[in-house]
Amino acid sequence: MNLKPGKYTLAVKGANNDGIWSDAKELSIVVLPPFGAPGGLTLYMYYCLQVFYLLLSVFSI
């Protein structure tokens, strides 16, 4: 199954052997575009540049 990039919410409810249902729990999931996709490449390059800048600022004399 392929998901398009975006924000998703997974809601889960469960029941025990007595048939008593729990409250729904939610999990937020962010699917990033694949590396090499036009928006994905820009996002990954931005993150790389931020890490590079951080490393330069931490280790510069």
PDB file of N, CA and C in Angstrom:
ATOM      1  N   MET A   1       0.844  -1.171   0.000  1.00  0.00           N
ATOM      2  CA  MET A   1       0.000   0.000   0.000  1.00  0.00           C
ATOM      3  C   MET A   1       0.890   1.236   0.000  1.00  0.00           C
ATOM      4  N   ASN A   2       0.643   2.151  -0.889  1.00  0.00           N
ATOM      5  CA  ASN A   2       1.426   3.376  -0.979  1.00  0.00           C
ATOM      6  C   ASN A   2       0.616   4.545  -0.447  1.00  0.00           C
ATOM      7  N   LEU A   3       1.219   5.281   0.461  1.00  0.00           N
ATOM      8  CA  LEU A   3       0.571   6.481   1.010  1.00  0.00           C
ATOM      9  C   LEU A   3       1.193   7.705   0.378  1.00  0.00           C
ATOM     10  N   LYS A   4       0.364   8.672   0.065  1.00  0.00           N
ATOM     11  CA  LYS A   4       0.881   9.947  -0.422  1.00  0.00           C
ATOM     12  C   LYS A   4       1.508  10.693   0.742  1.00  0.00           C
ATOM     13  N   PRO A   5       2.519  11.516   0.483  1.00  0.00           N
ATOM     14  CA  PRO A   5       3.121  12.304   1.558  1.00  0.00           C
ATOM     15  C   PRO A   5       2.085  13.197   2.222  1.00  0.00           C
ATOM     16  N   GLY A   6       2.167  13.296   3.541  1.00  0.00           N
ATOM     17  CA  GLY A   6       1.228  14.127   4.287  1.00  0.00           C
ATOM     18  C   GLY A   6       1.118  13.678   5.726  1.00  0.00           C
ATOM     19  N   LYS A   7       0.160  14.274   6.433  1.00  0.00           N
ATOM     20  CA  LYS A   7      -0.087  13.935   7.835  1.00  0.00           C
ATOM     21  C   LYS A   7      -1.290  13.003   7.915  1.00  0.00           C
ATOM     22  N   TYR A   8      -1.131  11.937   8.692  1.00  0.00           N
ATOM     23  CA  TYR A   8      -2.201  10.970   8.876  1.00  0.00           C
ATOM     24  C   TYR A   8      -2.415  10.739  10.361  1.00  0.00           C
ATOM     25  N   THR A   9      -3.624  10.331  10.730  1.00  0.00           N
ATOM     26  CA  THR A   9      -3.955   9.992  12.107  1.00  0.00           C
ATOM     27  C   THR A   9      -4.519   8.579  12.129  1.00  0.00           C
ATOM     28  N   LEU A  10      -3.891   7.711  12.924  1.00  0.00           N
ATOM     29  CA  LEU A  10      -4.363   6.351  13.097  1.00  0.00           C
ATOM     30  C   LEU A  10      -5.120   6.284  14.413  1.00  0.00           C
ATOM     31  N   ALA A  11      -6.392   5.910  14.353  1.00  0.00           N
ATOM     32  CA  ALA A  11      -7.218   5.778  15.555  1.00  0.00           C
ATOM     33  C   ALA A  11      -7.455   4.296  15.812  1.00  0.00           C
ATOM     34  N   VAL A  12      -7.217   3.848  17.057  1.00  0.00           N
ATOM     35  CA  VAL A  12      -7.343   2.444  17.418  1.00  0.00           C
ATOM     36  C   VAL A  12      -8.234   2.308  18.635  1.00  0.00           C
ATOM     37  N   LYS A  13      -9.151   1.351  18.560  1.00  0.00           N
ATOM     38  CA  LYS A  13     -10.003   0.998  19.684  1.00  0.00           C
ATOM     39  C   LYS A  13      -9.890  -0.505  19.883  1.00  0.00           C
ATOM     40  N   GLY A  14      -9.938  -0.943  21.122  1.00  0.00           N
ATOM     41  CA  GLY A  14      -9.835  -2.369  21.393  1.00  0.00           C
ATOM     42  C   GLY A  14     -10.901  -2.821  22.371  1.00  0.00           C
ATOM     43  N   ALA A  15     -11.158  -4.123  22.346  1.00  0.00           N
ATOM     44  CA  ALA A  15     -12.133  -4.711  23.265  1.00  0.00           C
ATOM     45  C   ALA A  15     -11.494  -5.914  23.951  1.00  0.00           C
ATOM     46  N   ASN A  16     -11.893  -6.149  25.201  1.00  0.00           N
ATOM     47  CA  ASN A  16     -11.389  -7.317  25.909  1.00  0.00           C
ATOM     48  C   ASN A  16     -12.345  -8.491  25.709  1.00  0.00           C
ATOM     49  N   ASN A  17     -12.083  -9.600  26.393  1.00  0.00           N
ATOM     50  CA  ASN A  17     -12.916 -10.798  26.231  1.00  0.00           C
ATOM     51  C   ASN A  17     -14.343 -10.591  26.731  1.00  0.00           C
ATOM     52  N   ASP A  18     -14.561  -9.604  27.602  1.00  0.00           N
ATOM     53  CA  ASP A  18     -15.902  -9.333  28.120  1.00  0.00           C
ATOM     54  C   ASP A  18     -16.693  -8.402  27.197  1.00  0.00           C
ATOM     55  N   GLY A  19     -16.092  -7.970  26.127  1.00  0.00           N
ATOM     56  CA  GLY A  19     -16.773  -7.087  25.181  1.00  0.00           C
ATOM     57  C   GLY A  19     -16.752  -5.627  25.601  1.00  0.00           C
ATOM     58  N   ILE A  20     -15.899  -5.285  26.562  1.00  0.00           N
ATOM     59  CA  ILE A  20     -15.800  -3.886  27.005  1.00  0.00           C
ATOM     60  C   ILE A  20     -14.770  -3.183  26.123  1.00  0.00           C
ATOM     61  N   TRP A  21     -15.215  -2.093  25.510  1.00  0.00           N
ATOM     62  CA  TRP A  21     -14.362  -1.355  24.590  1.00  0.00           C
ATOM     63  C   TRP A  21     -13.573  -0.282  25.314  1.00  0.00           C
ATOM     64  N   SER A  22     -12.354  -0.081  24.875  1.00  0.00           N
ATOM     65  CA  SER A  22     -11.511   0.977  25.425  1.00  0.00           C
ATOM     66  C   SER A  22     -11.792   2.282  24.691  1.00  0.00           C
ATOM     67  N   ASP A  23     -11.264   3.358  25.242  1.00  0.00           N
ATOM     68  CA  ASP A  23     -11.335   4.642  24.548  1.00  0.00           C
ATOM     69  C   ASP A  23     -10.400   4.598  23.338  1.00  0.00           C
ATOM     70  N   ALA A  24     -10.726   5.364  22.342  1.00  0.00           N
ATOM     71  CA  ALA A  24      -9.884   5.412  21.144  1.00  0.00           C
ATOM     72  C   ALA A  24      -8.571   6.122  21.462  1.00  0.00           C
ATOM     73  N   LYS A  25      -7.503   5.574  20.960  1.00  0.00           N
ATOM     74  CA  LYS A  25      -6.178   6.192  21.061  1.00  0.00           C
ATOM     75  C   LYS A  25      -5.774   6.609  19.658  1.00  0.00           C
ATOM     76  N   GLU A  26      -5.111   7.745  19.558  1.00  0.00           N
ATOM     77  CA  GLU A  26      -4.722   8.267  18.250  1.00  0.00           C
ATOM     78  C   GLU A  26      -3.217   8.397  18.160  1.00  0.00           C
ATOM     79  N   LEU A  27      -2.701   8.109  16.980  1.00  0.00           N
ATOM     80  CA  LEU A  27      -1.275   8.230  16.692  1.00  0.00           C
ATOM     81  C   LEU A  27      -1.138   9.056  15.426  1.00  0.00           C
ATOM     82  N   SER A  28      -0.411  10.156  15.517  1.00  0.00           N
ATOM     83  CA  SER A  28      -0.186  11.004  14.342  1.00  0.00           C
ATOM     84  C   SER A  28       1.056  10.506  13.613  1.00  0.00           C
ATOM     85  N   ILE A  29       0.926  10.362  12.304  1.00  0.00           N
ATOM     86  CA  ILE A  29       2.019   9.869  11.470  1.00  0.00           C
ATOM     87  C   ILE A  29       2.255  10.872  10.344  1.00  0.00           C
ATOM     88  N   VAL A  30       3.511  11.204  10.114  1.00  0.00           N
ATOM     89  CA  VAL A  30       3.872  12.095   9.012  1.00  0.00           C
ATOM     90  C   VAL A  30       4.649  11.272   7.992  1.00  0.00           C
ATOM     91  N   VAL A  31       4.143  11.226   6.771  1.00  0.00           N
ATOM     92  CA  VAL A  31       4.810  10.517   5.680  1.00  0.00           C
ATOM     93  C   VAL A  31       5.515  11.560   4.829  1.00  0.00           C
ATOM     94  N   LEU A  32       6.840  11.462   4.766  1.00  0.00           N
ATOM     95  CA  LEU A  32       7.630  12.403   3.971  1.00  0.00           C
ATOM     96  C   LEU A  32       7.700  11.922   2.528  1.00  0.00           C
ATOM     97  N   PRO A  33       7.890  12.840   1.598  1.00  0.00           N
ATOM     98  CA  PRO A  33       8.032  12.431   0.200  1.00  0.00           C
ATOM     99  C   PRO A  33       9.315  11.613   0.029  1.00  0.00           C
ATOM    100  N   PRO A  34       9.358  10.713  -0.934  1.00  0.00           N
ATOM    101  CA  PRO A  34      10.562   9.909  -1.143  1.00  0.00           C
ATOM    102  C   PRO A  34      11.739  10.787  -1.552  1.00  0.00           C
ATOM    103  N   PHE A  35      12.933  10.330  -1.204  1.00  0.00           N
ATOM    104  CA  PHE A  35      14.132  11.068  -1.574  1.00  0.00           C
ATOM    105  C   PHE A  35      14.208  11.134  -3.092  1.00  0.00           C
ATOM    106  N   GLY A  36      14.449  12.298  -3.611  1.00  0.00           N
ATOM    107  CA  GLY A  36      14.532  12.477  -5.051  1.00  0.00           C
ATOM    108  C   GLY A  36      13.284  13.090  -5.643  1.00  0.00           C
ATOM    109  N   ALA A  37      12.172  13.053  -4.910  1.00  0.00           N
ATOM    110  CA  ALA A  37      10.969  13.733  -5.386  1.00  0.00           C
ATOM    111  C   ALA A  37      11.234  15.237  -5.304  1.00  0.00           C
ATOM    112  N   PRO A  38      10.647  16.032  -6.178  1.00  0.00           N
ATOM    113  CA  PRO A  38      10.963  17.463  -6.191  1.00  0.00           C
ATOM    114  C   PRO A  38      10.851  18.132  -4.821  1.00  0.00           C
ATOM    115  N   GLY A  39       9.759  17.919  -4.111  1.00  0.00           N
ATOM    116  CA  GLY A  39       9.624  18.523  -2.789  1.00  0.00           C
ATOM    117  C   GLY A  39      10.483  17.818  -1.755  1.00  0.00           C
ATOM    118  N   GLY A  40      10.630  16.512  -1.915  1.00  0.00           N
ATOM    119  CA  GLY A  40      11.405  15.731  -0.964  1.00  0.00           C
ATOM    120  C   GLY A  40      12.879  16.074  -1.009  1.00  0.00           C
ATOM    121  N   LEU A  41      13.403  16.244  -2.212  1.00  0.00           N
ATOM    122  CA  LEU A  41      14.815  16.580  -2.345  1.00  0.00           C
ATOM    123  C   LEU A  41      15.099  17.933  -1.706  1.00  0.00           C
ATOM    124  N   THR A  42      14.221  18.879  -1.912  1.00  0.00           N
ATOM    125  CA  THR A  42      14.393  20.199  -1.312  1.00  0.00           C
ATOM    126  C   THR A  42      14.371  20.106   0.209  1.00  0.00           C
ATOM    127  N   LEU A  43      13.454  19.333   0.750  1.00  0.00           N
ATOM    128  CA  LEU A  43      13.344  19.173   2.195  1.00  0.00           C
ATOM    129  C   LEU A  43      14.587  18.507   2.768  1.00  0.00           C
ATOM    130  N   TYR A  44      15.051  17.438   2.146  1.00  0.00           N
ATOM    131  CA  TYR A  44      16.235  16.741   2.638  1.00  0.00           C
ATOM    132  C   TYR A  44      17.481  17.611   2.523  1.00  0.00           C
ATOM    133  N   MET A  45      17.593  18.374   1.457  1.00  0.00           N
ATOM    134  CA  MET A  45      18.747  19.262   1.307  1.00  0.00           C
ATOM    135  C   MET A  45      18.711  20.358   2.374  1.00  0.00           C
ATOM    136  N   TYR A  46      17.528  20.851   2.691  1.00  0.00           N
ATOM    137  CA  TYR A  46      17.393  21.840   3.758  1.00  0.00           C
ATOM    138  C   TYR A  46      17.879  21.259   5.084  1.00  0.00           C
ATOM    139  N   TYR A  47      17.453  20.035   5.398  1.00  0.00           N
ATOM    140  CA  TYR A  47      17.901  19.394   6.643  1.00  0.00           C
ATOM    141  C   TYR A  47      19.411  19.196   6.642  1.00  0.00           C
ATOM    142  N   CYS A  48      19.965  18.773   5.523  1.00  0.00           N
ATOM    143  CA  CYS A  48      21.416  18.569   5.441  1.00  0.00           C
ATOM    144  C   CYS A  48      22.166  19.875   5.646  1.00  0.00           C
ATOM    145  N   LEU A  49      21.674  20.946   5.033  1.00  0.00           N
ATOM    146  CA  LEU A  49      22.326  22.238   5.208  1.00  0.00           C
ATOM    147  C   LEU A  49      22.234  22.720   6.655  1.00  0.00           C
ATOM    148  N   GLN A  50      21.117  22.460   7.307  1.00  0.00           N
ATOM    149  CA  GLN A  50      20.970  22.847   8.711  1.00  0.00           C
ATOM    150  C   GLN A  50      21.963  22.076   9.583  1.00  0.00           C
ATOM    151  N   VAL A  51      22.116  20.795   9.349  1.00  0.00           N
ATOM    152  CA  VAL A  51      23.067  19.983  10.117  1.00  0.00           C
ATOM    153  C   VAL A  51      24.488  20.461   9.841  1.00  0.00           C
ATOM    154  N   PHE A  52      24.806  20.740   8.579  1.00  0.00           N
ATOM    155  CA  PHE A  52      26.125  21.243   8.217  1.00  0.00           C
ATOM    156  C   PHE A  52      26.418  22.569   8.921  1.00  0.00           C
ATOM    157  N   TYR A  53      25.453  23.469   8.927  1.00  0.00           N
ATOM    158  CA  TYR A  53      25.613  24.761   9.604  1.00  0.00           C
ATOM    159  C   TYR A  53      25.809  24.561  11.110  1.00  0.00           C
ATOM    160  N   LEU A  54      25.036  23.655  11.693  1.00  0.00           N
ATOM    161  CA  LEU A  54      25.170  23.371  13.124  1.00  0.00           C
ATOM    162  C   LEU A  54      26.557  22.824  13.435  1.00  0.00           C
ATOM    163  N   LEU A  55      27.048  21.905  12.627  1.00  0.00           N
ATOM    164  CA  LEU A  55      28.379  21.342  12.846  1.00  0.00           C
ATOM    165  C   LEU A  55      29.458  22.411  12.692  1.00  0.00           C
ATOM    166  N   LEU A  56      29.303  23.291  11.706  1.00  0.00           N
ATOM    167  CA  LEU A  56      30.275  24.375  11.548  1.00  0.00           C
ATOM    168  C   LEU A  56      30.273  25.323  12.737  1.00  0.00           C
ATOM    169  N   SER A  57      29.095  25.634  13.236  1.00  0.00           N
ATOM    170  CA  SER A  57      29.031  26.572  14.359  1.00  0.00           C
ATOM    171  C   SER A  57      29.533  25.944  15.655  1.00  0.00           C
ATOM    172  N   VAL A  58      29.360  24.651  15.821  1.00  0.00           N
ATOM    173  CA  VAL A  58      29.812  23.985  17.056  1.00  0.00           C
ATOM    174  C   VAL A  58      31.328  23.772  17.034  1.00  0.00           C
ATOM    175  N   PHE A  59      31.882  23.379  15.878  1.00  0.00           N
ATOM    176  CA  PHE A  59      33.281  23.012  15.827  1.00  0.00           C
ATOM    177  C   PHE A  59      34.195  24.091  15.256  1.00  0.00           C
ATOM    178  N   SER A  60      33.686  25.278  14.987  1.00  0.00           N
ATOM    179  CA  SER A  60      34.544  26.338  14.470  1.00  0.00           C
ATOM    180  C   SER A  60      35.343  26.969  15.610  1.00  0.00           C
ATOM    181  N   ILE A  61      36.448  27.500  15.273  1.00  0.00           N
ATOM    182  CA  ILE A  61      37.321  28.109  16.278  1.00  0.00           C
ATOM    183  C   ILE A  61      37.035  29.585  16.385  1.00  0.00           C
TER     184      ILE A  61
END
